[in-house]
Amino acid sequence: MLLTEGQMNDQKGANILVPFLPRARELLADRADDSNPFRTALAERGISAWPAAC
């Protein structure tokens, strides 16, 4: 869990957490965490990103 101030962009928080993610093949996240740099970081760890349904 990462607690941040309300003005912080969700993508910045997601990028901070990438090195601490457990081993996984897939990640289900909401659209706030959908960015090319985040998907690239996940792909480098062998993780496929799936957007959550709205």
Protein backbone atom coordinates (compact mmCIF):
# COMPACT_ATOMS: atom_id res chain seq x y z
CA MET A 1 0.00 0.00 0.00
CA LEU A 2 1.21 3.45 -0.85
CA LEU A 3 -0.35 6.52 0.74
CA THR A 4 0.16 9.75 -1.19
CA GLU A 5 -1.18 13.29 -1.06
CA GLY A 6 -4.43 13.92 -2.92
CA GLN A 7 -2.79 16.02 -5.61
CA MET A 8 -0.35 13.30 -6.70
CA ASN A 9 -1.06 11.70 -10.06
CA ASP A 10 -2.01 8.00 -9.80
CA GLN A 11 0.51 7.10 -12.50
CA LYS A 12 3.38 8.46 -10.42
CA GLY A 13 2.29 6.31 -7.50
CA ALA A 14 1.95 3.26 -9.73
CA ASN A 15 5.48 3.75 -11.07
CA ILE A 16 6.81 3.93 -7.51
CA LEU A 17 5.21 0.57 -6.71
CA VAL A 18 6.44 -1.38 -9.77
CA PRO A 19 9.71 -2.58 -8.17
CA PHE A 20 7.76 -3.91 -5.18
CA LEU A 21 5.13 -5.89 -7.08
CA PRO A 22 5.09 -9.62 -6.36
CA ARG A 23 5.80 -12.08 -9.15
CA ALA A 24 2.77 -12.15 -11.42
CA ARG A 25 1.75 -12.75 -15.01
CA GLU A 26 -1.15 -10.29 -15.13
CA LEU A 27 -2.22 -7.08 -13.41
CA LEU A 28 -5.76 -5.74 -13.29
CA ALA A 29 -5.76 -1.97 -12.72
CA ASP A 30 -8.11 0.93 -13.26
CA ARG A 31 -7.70 3.46 -16.05
CA ALA A 32 -5.86 5.93 -13.82
CA ASP A 33 -2.87 3.58 -13.92
CA ASP A 34 -2.94 3.15 -17.70
CA SER A 35 0.11 4.79 -19.26
CA ASN A 36 2.75 3.65 -21.72
CA PRO A 37 5.63 4.00 -19.23
CA PHE A 38 3.72 1.93 -16.64
CA ARG A 39 2.84 -0.76 -19.19
CA THR A 40 6.48 -0.83 -20.34
CA ALA A 41 7.71 -1.26 -16.76
CA LEU A 42 5.24 -4.11 -16.27
CA ALA A 43 6.24 -5.75 -19.56
CA GLU A 44 9.90 -5.66 -18.50
CA ARG A 45 8.87 -7.75 -15.50
CA GLY A 46 6.84 -10.13 -17.69
CA ILE A 47 3.48 -8.80 -16.49
CA SER A 48 0.53 -8.20 -18.85
CA ALA A 49 -1.72 -5.26 -17.93
CA TRP A 50 -5.50 -5.58 -18.22
CA PRO A 51 -7.74 -2.53 -17.77
CA ALA A 52 -10.63 -2.91 -15.35
CA ALA A 53 -14.14 -2.54 -16.69
CA CYS A 54 -15.78 0.82 -16.06
